C-alpha atoms as a PDB file:
ATOM      1  CA  MET A   1     -87.042 -10.866 -34.415  1.00  0.00           C
ATOM      2  CA  ARG A   2     -89.725 -12.713 -32.518  1.00  0.00           C
ATOM      3  CA  TYR A   3     -92.122 -14.893 -34.480  1.00  0.00           C
ATOM      4  CA  MET A   4     -95.341 -16.524 -33.325  1.00  0.00           C
ATOM      5  CA  PHE A   5     -96.075 -19.959 -34.718  1.00  0.00           C
ATOM      6  CA  LEU A   6     -99.838 -20.597 -34.697  1.00  0.00           C
ATOM      7  CA  LEU A   7    -100.548 -24.329 -34.813  1.00  0.00           C
ATOM      8  CA  TYR A   8    -103.767 -25.229 -36.634  1.00  0.00           C
ATOM      9  CA  VAL A   9    -105.114 -28.752 -36.306  1.00  0.00           C
ATOM     10  CA  ASP A  10    -108.246 -30.719 -37.122  1.00  0.00           C
ATOM     11  CA  GLU A  11    -109.655 -31.366 -33.652  1.00  0.00           C
ATOM     12  CA  SER A  12    -111.234 -34.641 -34.777  1.00  0.00           C
ATOM     13  CA  LEU A  13    -107.851 -36.233 -35.577  1.00  0.00           C
ATOM     14  CA  PRO A  14    -106.293 -38.503 -32.949  1.00  0.00           C
ATOM     15  CA  GLU A  15    -103.014 -36.526 -33.215  1.00  0.00           C
ATOM     16  CA  ARG A  16    -104.818 -33.657 -31.467  1.00  0.00           C
ATOM     17  CA  GLU A  17    -104.795 -35.651 -28.241  1.00  0.00           C
ATOM     18  CA  GLY A  18    -101.010 -35.744 -28.197  1.00  0.00           C
ATOM     19  CA  SER A  19     -99.561 -39.179 -28.755  1.00  0.00           C
ATOM     20  CA  GLU A  20     -96.326 -39.935 -26.949  1.00  0.00           C
ATOM     21  CA  SER A  21     -94.290 -39.633 -30.164  1.00  0.00           C
ATOM     22  CA  ASN A  22     -96.010 -36.323 -30.976  1.00  0.00           C
ATOM     23  CA  ILE A  23     -95.243 -34.941 -27.494  1.00  0.00           C
ATOM     24  CA  ASN A  24     -91.644 -36.178 -27.764  1.00  0.00           C
ATOM     25  CA  GLU A  25     -91.227 -34.277 -31.051  1.00  0.00           C
ATOM     26  CA  HIS A  26     -92.493 -31.078 -29.411  1.00  0.00           C
ATOM     27  CA  VAL A  27     -90.149 -31.584 -26.446  1.00  0.00           C
ATOM     28  CA  ALA A  28     -87.136 -32.186 -28.711  1.00  0.00           C
ATOM     29  CA  LEU A  29     -87.905 -29.105 -30.815  1.00  0.00           C
ATOM     30  CA  ALA A  30     -88.462 -26.902 -27.749  1.00  0.00           C
ATOM     31  CA  ARG A  31     -85.222 -28.139 -26.128  1.00  0.00           C
ATOM     32  CA  GLU A  32     -83.290 -27.351 -29.307  1.00  0.00           C
ATOM     33  CA  ALA A  33     -84.837 -23.887 -29.451  1.00  0.00           C
ATOM     34  CA  VAL A  34     -83.867 -23.343 -25.781  1.00  0.00           C
ATOM     35  CA  GLU A  35     -80.289 -24.448 -26.505  1.00  0.00           C
ATOM     36  CA  ASN A  36     -80.149 -22.100 -29.515  1.00  0.00           C
ATOM     37  CA  GLY A  37     -81.543 -19.181 -27.517  1.00  0.00           C
ATOM     38  CA  ALA A  38     -84.654 -18.966 -29.695  1.00  0.00           C
ATOM     39  CA  TYR A  39     -87.293 -20.284 -27.274  1.00  0.00           C
ATOM     40  CA  VAL A  40     -89.632 -17.711 -25.735  1.00  0.00           C
ATOM     41  CA  ALA A  41     -92.916 -19.553 -24.998  1.00  0.00           C
ATOM     42  CA  CYS A  42     -95.082 -22.476 -26.021  1.00  0.00           C
ATOM     43  CA  ASN A  43     -98.513 -23.722 -24.952  1.00  0.00           C
ATOM     44  CA  ALA A  44    -101.257 -25.973 -26.219  1.00  0.00           C
ATOM     45  CA  LEU A  45    -104.801 -24.665 -26.293  1.00  0.00           C
ATOM     46  CA  ASP A  46    -107.867 -26.620 -25.208  1.00  0.00           C
ATOM     47  CA  VAL A  47    -110.496 -27.586 -27.793  1.00  0.00           C
ATOM     48  CA  THR A  48    -112.626 -24.897 -29.443  1.00  0.00           C
ATOM     49  CA  SER A  49    -115.785 -26.236 -27.775  1.00  0.00           C
ATOM     50  CA  LYS A  50    -114.376 -24.780 -24.541  1.00  0.00           C
ATOM     51  CA  ALA A  51    -113.668 -21.382 -26.101  1.00  0.00           C
ATOM     52  CA  THR A  52    -115.559 -18.189 -25.331  1.00  0.00           C
ATOM     53  CA  THR A  53    -115.677 -15.271 -27.745  1.00  0.00           C
ATOM     54  CA  VAL A  54    -116.278 -11.708 -26.550  1.00  0.00           C
ATOM     55  CA  ARG A  55    -117.400  -8.912 -28.843  1.00  0.00           C
ATOM     56  CA  VAL A  56    -118.412  -5.354 -28.023  1.00  0.00           C
ATOM     57  CA  ARG A  57    -120.768  -3.742 -30.526  1.00  0.00           C
ATOM     58  CA  ASP A  58    -122.371  -0.343 -30.004  1.00  0.00           C
ATOM     59  CA  GLY A  59    -121.423  -0.472 -26.328  1.00  0.00           C
ATOM     60  CA  GLU A  60    -123.053  -3.876 -25.793  1.00  0.00           C
ATOM     61  CA  THR A  61    -121.014  -6.899 -24.735  1.00  0.00           C
ATOM     62  CA  VAL A  62    -121.907 -10.103 -26.563  1.00  0.00           C
ATOM     63  CA  ILE A  63    -120.486 -13.345 -25.212  1.00  0.00           C
ATOM     64  CA  SER A  64    -120.788 -16.535 -27.216  1.00  0.00           C
ATOM     65  CA  ASP A  65    -119.566 -20.072 -26.764  1.00  0.00           C
ATOM     66  CA  GLY A  66    -116.999 -21.356 -29.202  1.00  0.00           C
ATOM     67  CA  PRO A  67    -114.316 -19.914 -31.406  1.00  0.00           C
ATOM     68  CA  PHE A  68    -114.459 -16.774 -33.489  1.00  0.00           C
ATOM     69  CA  ALA A  69    -114.931 -18.684 -36.742  1.00  0.00           C
ATOM     70  CA  GLU A  70    -116.188 -22.133 -37.618  1.00  0.00           C
ATOM     71  CA  THR A  71    -113.477 -23.946 -39.538  1.00  0.00           C
ATOM     72  CA  LYS A  72    -112.256 -27.500 -39.894  1.00  0.00           C
ATOM     73  CA  GLU A  73    -108.840 -26.556 -38.559  1.00  0.00           C
ATOM     74  CA  ALA A  74    -108.698 -24.737 -35.238  1.00  0.00           C
ATOM     75  CA  LEU A  75    -105.921 -22.972 -33.396  1.00  0.00           C
ATOM     76  CA  GLY A  76    -104.468 -25.680 -31.196  1.00  0.00           C
ATOM     77  CA  GLY A  77    -101.409 -24.038 -29.707  1.00  0.00           C
ATOM     78  CA  TYR A  78     -98.505 -21.741 -30.312  1.00  0.00           C
ATOM     79  CA  TYR A  79     -94.788 -21.198 -30.005  1.00  0.00           C
ATOM     80  CA  ILE A  80     -93.009 -17.876 -29.749  1.00  0.00           C
ATOM     81  CA  MET A  81     -89.377 -17.965 -30.825  1.00  0.00           C
ATOM     82  CA  ASP A  82     -86.740 -15.322 -31.309  1.00  0.00           C
ATOM     83  CA  CYS A  83     -85.278 -16.168 -34.729  1.00  0.00           C
ATOM     84  CA  ARG A  84     -82.554 -14.521 -36.807  1.00  0.00           C
ATOM     85  CA  ASP A  85     -84.908 -14.221 -39.767  1.00  0.00           C
ATOM     86  CA  LEU A  86     -87.894 -15.762 -41.541  1.00  0.00           C
ATOM     87  CA  ASP A  87     -85.735 -18.553 -42.963  1.00  0.00           C
ATOM     88  CA  GLU A  88     -84.853 -19.754 -39.468  1.00  0.00           C
ATOM     89  CA  ALA A  89     -88.514 -19.456 -38.445  1.00  0.00           C
ATOM     90  CA  ILE A  90     -89.543 -21.596 -41.436  1.00  0.00           C
ATOM     91  CA  ALA A  91     -86.923 -24.191 -40.525  1.00  0.00           C
ATOM     92  CA  TYR A  92     -88.454 -24.526 -37.049  1.00  0.00           C
ATOM     93  CA  ALA A  93     -92.030 -24.526 -38.405  1.00  0.00           C
ATOM     94  CA  THR A  94     -91.355 -27.473 -40.719  1.00  0.00           C
ATOM     95  CA  ARG A  95     -90.488 -29.571 -37.664  1.00  0.00           C
ATOM     96  CA  ILE A  96     -93.591 -28.760 -35.597  1.00  0.00           C
ATOM     97  CA  PRO A  97     -95.818 -31.886 -35.761  1.00  0.00           C
ATOM     98  CA  PRO A  98     -99.081 -30.115 -36.774  1.00  0.00           C
ATOM     99  CA  ALA A  99     -97.372 -28.965 -39.988  1.00  0.00           C
ATOM    100  CA  ARG A 100     -97.840 -32.547 -41.249  1.00  0.00           C
ATOM    101  CA  VAL A 101    -101.593 -32.790 -40.616  1.00  0.00           C
ATOM    102  CA  GLY A 102    -102.721 -29.168 -40.321  1.00  0.00           C
ATOM    103  CA  SER A 103    -100.731 -26.001 -40.753  1.00  0.00           C
ATOM    104  CA  VAL A 104     -98.345 -23.698 -38.943  1.00  0.00           C
ATOM    105  CA  GLU A 105     -98.836 -19.995 -39.534  1.00  0.00           C
ATOM    106  CA  ILE A 106     -95.754 -17.863 -38.872  1.00  0.00           C
ATOM    107  CA  ARG A 107     -96.334 -14.243 -37.937  1.00  0.00           C
ATOM    108  CA  PRO A 108     -93.809 -11.674 -36.805  1.00  0.00           C
ATOM    109  CA  VAL A 109     -94.564 -10.340 -33.338  1.00  0.00           C
ATOM    110  CA  PHE A 110     -95.260  -6.624 -33.532  1.00  0.00           C
ATOM    111  CA  GLU A 111     -93.129  -5.148 -30.782  1.00  0.00           C
ATOM    112  CA  ILE A 112     -94.498  -1.937 -29.264  1.00  0.00           C
ATOM    113  CA  PRO A 113     -91.566   0.109 -27.968  1.00  0.00           C
ATOM    114  CA  GLY A 114     -91.859   0.800 -24.237  1.00  0.00           C
ATOM    115  CA  TRP A 115     -94.862  -1.513 -23.779  1.00  0.00           C
ATOM    116  CA  ASP A 116     -93.492  -3.506 -20.832  1.00  0.00           C
ATOM    117  CA  GLU A 117     -92.466  -0.374 -18.993  1.00  0.00           C
ATOM    118  CA  ALA A 118     -95.814   1.277 -19.727  1.00  0.00           C
ATOM    119  CA  ILE A 119     -97.742  -1.600 -18.131  1.00  0.00           C
ATOM    120  CA  GLY A 120     -95.330  -2.038 -15.228  1.00  0.00           C
ATOM    121  CA  VAL A 121     -93.631  -5.293 -16.208  1.00  0.00           C
ATOM    122  CA  LYS A 122     -90.229  -5.704 -14.647  1.00  0.00           C
ATOM    123  CA  HIS A 123     -87.897  -8.165 -16.341  1.00  0.00           C
ATOM    124  CA  GLN A 124     -85.863 -10.611 -14.316  1.00  0.00           C
ATOM    125  CA  PRO A 125     -82.167 -10.848 -15.070  1.00  0.00           C
ATOM    126  CA  ALA A 126     -81.300 -13.781 -17.298  1.00  0.00           C
ATOM    127  CA  ALA A 127     -80.278 -16.947 -15.453  1.00  0.00           C
ATOM    128  CA  THR A 128     -76.612 -17.816 -15.732  1.00  0.00           C
END
């Protein structure tokens, strides 16, 4: 089952900038996940002050600067991993650096059968 790990951090903390040791921890975790066949994707997100929120209400598009909600902790990045079960997902989450200063939310990815085919995505054969 695929799980998304949503990394929430306080943007005012220096750890948000990505110290070398912090980056090295992410690299080590991602490499291990690749070796275990669990890695799917990972990216950091820019600060919420650069976010744009789009809403459509009664046919009108409303665009506003900033994130959807004002909170101390903001979504700072994500991982997607294919884990055996929630226990394995939790084991990975405890090692993601923001878990120590913010939080890591784990959510199962809701797979829509036939989605890729419906939108015309063709999968490449796995590298050997």
